[in-house]
Amino acid sequence: MTAVTLRPEQPGDEAVIHALTEEAFAPMPFSEGDEPDLIDALRADGDLTLSLVAEDSSGIIGHIAFSPLRIADGTQDWYGLGPVSVTPKLQRTGIGGMLINRGIADMRTRGAKGIALLGSNEYYPRFGFEHDPELTYPGPPPEFFQRLILEGDAPKGIVRFAPAFEANSAN
């Protein structure tokens, strides 16, 4: 594998990110195939708070998105992580972890108080994520909804992702 660099999304990256996300999620049994459209909708709505790409000599090979969350108790400055995409032939090589670590660091620098996600309860704890029964996301099995506190106290209540998530799940 060649050297991998991480950088913020730039104008002109949109189509490559869409195609990469589509390819990365196609074989996933939990995916409904709407992840590329979700990223496009977050971008169109102005809710793509942070969008990072990983690239090597062949071009963009990974992507991660962060978007704002609304929490029932009124807690501010919390964000949702996801989706995370890595080209299938390079999955399980550490690129996703690089994107997650850099994304968490960048969000901390931007003043984020915490990050939540819906994902593997075997993978994400290595980055400090944990299930908190006081913070809920209705629908999926609760153990897959996890949070990472960056600063302050743990929020409580129901979490709502950016509107694009709800619009996408309705399709």
C-alpha atoms as a PDB file:
ATOM      1  CA  MET A   1       0.000   0.000   0.000  1.00  0.00           C
ATOM      2  CA  THR A   2       1.253   3.464  -0.870  1.00  0.00           C
ATOM      3  CA  ALA A   3       1.265   6.402   1.519  1.00  0.00           C
ATOM      4  CA  VAL A   4      -2.186   7.602   2.540  1.00  0.00           C
ATOM      5  CA  THR A   5      -2.921  11.269   3.182  1.00  0.00           C
ATOM      6  CA  LEU A   6      -6.024  12.735   4.783  1.00  0.00           C
ATOM      7  CA  ARG A   7      -7.544  16.054   3.808  1.00  0.00           C
ATOM      8  CA  PRO A   8     -10.839  17.937   3.893  1.00  0.00           C
ATOM      9  CA  GLU A   9     -13.215  17.388   0.997  1.00  0.00           C
ATOM     10  CA  GLN A  10     -12.663  19.894  -1.807  1.00  0.00           C
ATOM     11  CA  PRO A  11     -14.946  21.083  -4.602  1.00  0.00           C
ATOM     12  CA  GLY A  12     -14.844  18.464  -7.344  1.00  0.00           C
ATOM     13  CA  ASP A  13     -14.589  15.515  -4.916  1.00  0.00           C
ATOM     14  CA  GLU A  14     -18.369  14.995  -4.747  1.00  0.00           C
ATOM     15  CA  ALA A  15     -18.786  12.474  -7.574  1.00  0.00           C
ATOM     16  CA  VAL A  16     -15.798  10.395  -6.433  1.00  0.00           C
ATOM     17  CA  ILE A  17     -17.085  10.351  -2.834  1.00  0.00           C
ATOM     18  CA  HIS A  18     -20.535   9.286  -4.088  1.00  0.00           C
ATOM     19  CA  ALA A  19     -19.091   6.427  -6.181  1.00  0.00           C
ATOM     20  CA  LEU A  20     -16.697   5.324  -3.416  1.00  0.00           C
ATOM     21  CA  THR A  21     -19.493   5.246  -0.835  1.00  0.00           C
ATOM     22  CA  GLU A  22     -21.739   3.284  -3.175  1.00  0.00           C
ATOM     23  CA  GLU A  23     -18.983   0.724  -3.822  1.00  0.00           C
ATOM     24  CA  ALA A  24     -18.010   0.465  -0.142  1.00  0.00           C
ATOM     25  CA  PHE A  25     -21.546  -0.188   1.105  1.00  0.00           C
ATOM     26  CA  ALA A  26     -22.782  -2.413  -1.752  1.00  0.00           C
ATOM     27  CA  PRO A  27     -21.714  -5.701  -0.113  1.00  0.00           C
ATOM     28  CA  MET A  28     -22.807  -4.716   3.419  1.00  0.00           C
ATOM     29  CA  PRO A  29     -25.837  -6.730   4.579  1.00  0.00           C
ATOM     30  CA  PHE A  30     -27.038  -3.904   6.866  1.00  0.00           C
ATOM     31  CA  SER A  31     -26.999  -1.298   4.087  1.00  0.00           C
ATOM     32  CA  GLU A  32     -30.047  -0.209   2.127  1.00  0.00           C
ATOM     33  CA  GLY A  33     -27.768   1.468  -0.440  1.00  0.00           C
ATOM     34  CA  ASP A  34     -28.773   5.018   0.484  1.00  0.00           C
ATOM     35  CA  GLU A  35     -25.438   6.137   1.990  1.00  0.00           C
ATOM     36  CA  PRO A  36     -24.172   8.005  -1.129  1.00  0.00           C
ATOM     37  CA  ASP A  37     -27.441   9.935  -1.415  1.00  0.00           C
ATOM     38  CA  LEU A  38     -27.306  10.688   2.302  1.00  0.00           C
ATOM     39  CA  ILE A  39     -23.898  12.363   1.957  1.00  0.00           C
ATOM     40  CA  ASP A  40     -25.143  14.352  -1.046  1.00  0.00           C
ATOM     41  CA  ALA A  41     -28.215  15.462   0.948  1.00  0.00           C
ATOM     42  CA  LEU A  42     -26.126  16.448   3.984  1.00  0.00           C
ATOM     43  CA  ARG A  43     -23.920  18.532   1.691  1.00  0.00           C
ATOM     44  CA  ALA A  44     -26.926  20.134  -0.062  1.00  0.00           C
ATOM     45  CA  ASP A  45     -28.566  20.966   3.288  1.00  0.00           C
ATOM     46  CA  GLY A  46     -25.397  22.555   4.682  1.00  0.00           C
ATOM     47  CA  ASP A  47     -25.202  19.836   7.333  1.00  0.00           C
ATOM     48  CA  LEU A  48     -21.916  18.260   6.278  1.00  0.00           C
ATOM     49  CA  THR A  49     -19.997  19.730   9.219  1.00  0.00           C
ATOM     50  CA  LEU A  50     -16.804  17.843   8.424  1.00  0.00           C
ATOM     51  CA  SER A  51     -16.052  15.757   5.354  1.00  0.00           C
ATOM     52  CA  LEU A  52     -12.611  14.156   5.136  1.00  0.00           C
ATOM     53  CA  VAL A  53     -11.115  12.018   2.405  1.00  0.00           C
ATOM     54  CA  ALA A  54      -8.221   9.584   2.423  1.00  0.00           C
ATOM     55  CA  GLU A  55      -6.196   9.395  -0.739  1.00  0.00           C
ATOM     56  CA  ASP A  56      -3.199   7.566  -2.085  1.00  0.00           C
ATOM     57  CA  SER A  57      -1.428   7.695  -5.438  1.00  0.00           C
ATOM     58  CA  SER A  58      -4.528   6.237  -7.120  1.00  0.00           C
ATOM     59  CA  GLY A  59      -6.881   8.951  -5.780  1.00  0.00           C
ATOM     60  CA  ILE A  60      -9.594   9.047  -3.114  1.00  0.00           C
ATOM     61  CA  ILE A  61      -9.854   5.710  -1.295  1.00  0.00           C
ATOM     62  CA  GLY A  62     -11.803   6.651   1.836  1.00  0.00           C
ATOM     63  CA  HIS A  63     -14.289   9.142   3.244  1.00  0.00           C
ATOM     64  CA  ILE A  64     -15.893  10.110   6.552  1.00  0.00           C
ATOM     65  CA  ALA A  65     -18.762  12.490   7.308  1.00  0.00           C
ATOM     66  CA  PHE A  66     -19.845  14.343  10.453  1.00  0.00           C
ATOM     67  CA  SER A  67     -23.145  16.211  10.818  1.00  0.00           C
ATOM     68  CA  PRO A  68     -25.013  17.994  13.634  1.00  0.00           C
ATOM     69  CA  LEU A  69     -27.206  16.180  16.156  1.00  0.00           C
ATOM     70  CA  ARG A  70     -30.195  17.394  18.133  1.00  0.00           C
ATOM     71  CA  ILE A  71     -30.554  15.980  21.642  1.00  0.00           C
ATOM     72  CA  ALA A  72     -33.797  16.115  23.627  1.00  0.00           C
ATOM     73  CA  ASP A  73     -32.162  17.697  26.699  1.00  0.00           C
ATOM     74  CA  GLY A  74     -30.968  20.661  24.591  1.00  0.00           C
ATOM     75  CA  THR A  75     -27.269  19.764  24.715  1.00  0.00           C
ATOM     76  CA  GLN A  76     -25.409  21.638  21.977  1.00  0.00           C
ATOM     77  CA  ASP A  77     -22.284  20.935  19.909  1.00  0.00           C
ATOM     78  CA  TRP A  78     -22.798  17.200  19.454  1.00  0.00           C
ATOM     79  CA  TYR A  79     -22.316  15.579  16.067  1.00  0.00           C
ATOM     80  CA  GLY A  80     -23.079  12.348  14.283  1.00  0.00           C
ATOM     81  CA  LEU A  81     -20.292  10.308  12.729  1.00  0.00           C
ATOM     82  CA  GLY A  82     -21.055   8.485   9.530  1.00  0.00           C
ATOM     83  CA  PRO A  83     -21.019   7.142   7.081  1.00  0.00           C
ATOM     84  CA  VAL A  84     -17.407   5.976   6.859  1.00  0.00           C
ATOM     85  CA  SER A  85     -16.362   4.467   3.536  1.00  0.00           C
ATOM     86  CA  VAL A  86     -13.211   2.752   2.325  1.00  0.00           C
ATOM     87  CA  THR A  87     -12.774   1.221  -1.095  1.00  0.00           C
ATOM     88  CA  PRO A  88     -13.482  -2.519  -0.690  1.00  0.00           C
ATOM     89  CA  LYS A  89     -10.023  -3.779  -1.673  1.00  0.00           C
ATOM     90  CA  LEU A  90      -8.475  -1.620   1.073  1.00  0.00           C
ATOM     91  CA  GLN A  91     -10.960  -2.316   3.865  1.00  0.00           C
ATOM     92  CA  ARG A  92      -9.392  -3.729   7.027  1.00  0.00           C
ATOM     93  CA  THR A  93      -6.061  -2.002   6.323  1.00  0.00           C
ATOM     94  CA  GLY A  94      -6.454   0.813   8.884  1.00  0.00           C
ATOM     95  CA  ILE A  95      -7.713   3.568   6.560  1.00  0.00           C
ATOM     96  CA  GLY A  96     -11.112   3.744   8.259  1.00  0.00           C
ATOM     97  CA  GLY A  97      -9.394   4.021  11.630  1.00  0.00           C
ATOM     98  CA  MET A  98      -7.177   6.805  10.330  1.00  0.00           C
ATOM     99  CA  LEU A  99     -10.259   8.710   9.133  1.00  0.00           C
ATOM    100  CA  ILE A 100     -12.086   8.175  12.433  1.00  0.00           C
ATOM    101  CA  ASN A 101      -9.121   9.282  14.572  1.00  0.00           C
ATOM    102  CA  ARG A 102      -8.480  12.366  12.423  1.00  0.00           C
ATOM    103  CA  GLY A 103     -12.200  13.186  12.348  1.00  0.00           C
ATOM    104  CA  ILE A 104     -12.491  12.982  16.129  1.00  0.00           C
ATOM    105  CA  ALA A 105      -9.412  15.204  16.525  1.00  0.00           C
ATOM    106  CA  ASP A 106     -10.723  17.744  14.008  1.00  0.00           C
ATOM    107  CA  MET A 107     -14.166  17.809  15.648  1.00  0.00           C
ATOM    108  CA  ARG A 108     -12.549  18.365  19.053  1.00  0.00           C
ATOM    109  CA  THR A 109     -10.596  21.305  17.569  1.00  0.00           C
ATOM    110  CA  ARG A 110     -13.874  22.720  16.201  1.00  0.00           C
ATOM    111  CA  GLY A 111     -15.343  22.734  19.710  1.00  0.00           C
ATOM    112  CA  ALA A 112     -17.489  19.592  19.535  1.00  0.00           C
ATOM    113  CA  LYS A 113     -18.593  18.347  22.939  1.00  0.00           C
ATOM    114  CA  GLY A 114     -19.343  14.838  21.727  1.00  0.00           C
ATOM    115  CA  ILE A 115     -19.988  12.470  18.866  1.00  0.00           C
ATOM    116  CA  ALA A 116     -22.586   9.741  18.455  1.00  0.00           C
ATOM    117  CA  LEU A 117     -23.013   7.032  15.851  1.00  0.00           C
ATOM    118  CA  LEU A 118     -24.941   3.989  14.856  1.00  0.00           C
ATOM    119  CA  GLY A 119     -22.456   1.200  14.203  1.00  0.00           C
ATOM    120  CA  SER A 120     -20.638  -1.930  15.255  1.00  0.00           C
ATOM    121  CA  ASN A 121     -20.357  -2.352  19.003  1.00  0.00           C
ATOM    122  CA  GLU A 122     -17.258  -4.446  18.353  1.00  0.00           C
ATOM    123  CA  TYR A 123     -15.412  -1.912  16.162  1.00  0.00           C
ATOM    124  CA  TYR A 124     -16.144   1.567  17.529  1.00  0.00           C
ATOM    125  CA  PRO A 125     -15.278   1.013  21.226  1.00  0.00           C
ATOM    126  CA  ARG A 126     -11.579   0.996  20.223  1.00  0.00           C
ATOM    127  CA  PHE A 127     -12.025   4.731  19.532  1.00  0.00           C
ATOM    128  CA  GLY A 128     -13.691   5.349  22.906  1.00  0.00           C
ATOM    129  CA  PHE A 129     -17.327   4.986  21.842  1.00  0.00           C
ATOM    130  CA  GLU A 130     -19.729   3.275  24.224  1.00  0.00           C
ATOM    131  CA  HIS A 131     -23.403   2.590  24.561  1.00  0.00           C
ATOM    132  CA  ASP A 132     -25.161   4.831  27.067  1.00  0.00           C
ATOM    133  CA  PRO A 133     -28.731   3.806  27.984  1.00  0.00           C
ATOM    134  CA  GLU A 134     -29.492   7.444  28.915  1.00  0.00           C
ATOM    135  CA  LEU A 135     -28.869   8.563  25.306  1.00  0.00           C
ATOM    136  CA  THR A 136     -31.170   6.867  22.834  1.00  0.00           C
ATOM    137  CA  TYR A 137     -31.878   6.621  19.141  1.00  0.00           C
ATOM    138  CA  PRO A 138     -35.228   4.950  18.431  1.00  0.00           C
ATOM    139  CA  GLY A 139     -35.409   2.089  15.989  1.00  0.00           C
ATOM    140  CA  PRO A 140     -32.283  -0.023  15.736  1.00  0.00           C
ATOM    141  CA  PRO A 141     -31.058  -2.306  18.530  1.00  0.00           C
ATOM    142  CA  PRO A 142     -29.878   0.098  21.270  1.00  0.00           C
ATOM    143  CA  GLU A 143     -26.423  -1.449  21.707  1.00  0.00           C
ATOM    144  CA  PHE A 144     -25.431  -0.199  18.234  1.00  0.00           C
ATOM    145  CA  PHE A 145     -26.060   3.448  19.171  1.00  0.00           C
ATOM    146  CA  GLN A 146     -22.903   4.731  20.854  1.00  0.00           C
ATOM    147  CA  ARG A 147     -21.431   8.001  22.013  1.00  0.00           C
ATOM    148  CA  LEU A 148     -18.055   9.563  22.729  1.00  0.00           C
ATOM    149  CA  ILE A 149     -17.860  12.477  25.178  1.00  0.00           C
ATOM    150  CA  LEU A 150     -15.206  15.012  24.159  1.00  0.00           C
ATOM    151  CA  GLU A 151     -16.019  17.622  26.812  1.00  0.00           C
ATOM    152  CA  GLY A 152     -18.557  18.112  29.566  1.00  0.00           C
ATOM    153  CA  ASP A 153     -21.260  15.829  30.878  1.00  0.00           C
ATOM    154  CA  ALA A 154     -23.091  13.059  29.098  1.00  0.00           C
ATOM    155  CA  PRO A 155     -26.320  14.277  27.513  1.00  0.00           C
ATOM    156  CA  LYS A 156     -29.605  12.463  28.090  1.00  0.00           C
ATOM    157  CA  GLY A 157     -32.609  11.785  25.950  1.00  0.00           C
ATOM    158  CA  ILE A 158     -33.556  10.983  22.398  1.00  0.00           C
ATOM    159  CA  VAL A 159     -31.116  11.906  19.635  1.00  0.00           C
ATOM    160  CA  ARG A 160     -32.124  13.122  16.184  1.00  0.00           C
ATOM    161  CA  PHE A 161     -29.642  13.071  13.334  1.00  0.00           C
ATOM    162  CA  ALA A 162     -29.621  15.799  10.664  1.00  0.00           C
ATOM    163  CA  PRO A 163     -32.841  15.940   8.596  1.00  0.00           C
ATOM    164  CA  ALA A 164     -31.164  14.204   5.629  1.00  0.00           C
ATOM    165  CA  PHE A 165     -31.007  10.987   7.664  1.00  0.00           C
ATOM    166  CA  GLU A 166     -34.757  11.003   8.191  1.00  0.00           C
ATOM    167  CA  ALA A 167     -35.462  11.926   4.571  1.00  0.00           C
ATOM    168  CA  ASN A 168     -33.162   9.136   3.384  1.00  0.00           C
ATOM    169  CA  SER A 169     -34.723   6.509   5.639  1.00  0.00           C
ATOM    170  CA  ALA A 170     -38.137   7.393   4.208  1.00  0.00           C
ATOM    171  CA  ASN A 171     -37.007   6.547   0.657  1.00  0.00           C
END
